[in-house]
Amino acid sequence: MLFFLYFLFGLTPATKNVVIIEYYEQIYIKESEVIIIKEILTLREREVFELLIMNKSTKEIANELGISEKTVRNHISNVMQKLGVKGRAGAVVELLKMNELSLDE
């Protein structure tokens, strides 16, 4: 699979700025990176970010979902790490670009 992706995108395994995550279905191209993604968000991460874009605070999200504020922060941090962004706003922007979140909800 990886060889096919290298061939498809004209890449070599040594190519810098290329991140390929194995066993994933959807291809998302961000600047000079190729990221293969199955499901970007878990159900809980999606719930957290849907509340986050509704301008809910960490405390409000925790209360609404019945989890701790630390768990909310962990979900946000995990998504930021998956997307390779710094900050909640960066994660929201990337998720909107990828159509993983919508402002219409």
Foldseek 3Di string as FASTA:
>chain_A
DVVVVCVVVVHDPPDPQEDEDPPADDWDDDDPYIYGHHDLADPLLLQLVQVVLVVDDLVRSCVVVVHDSVVSVVSQVVSCVSVVHPDSVVSNVVCVVVVVDDPVD
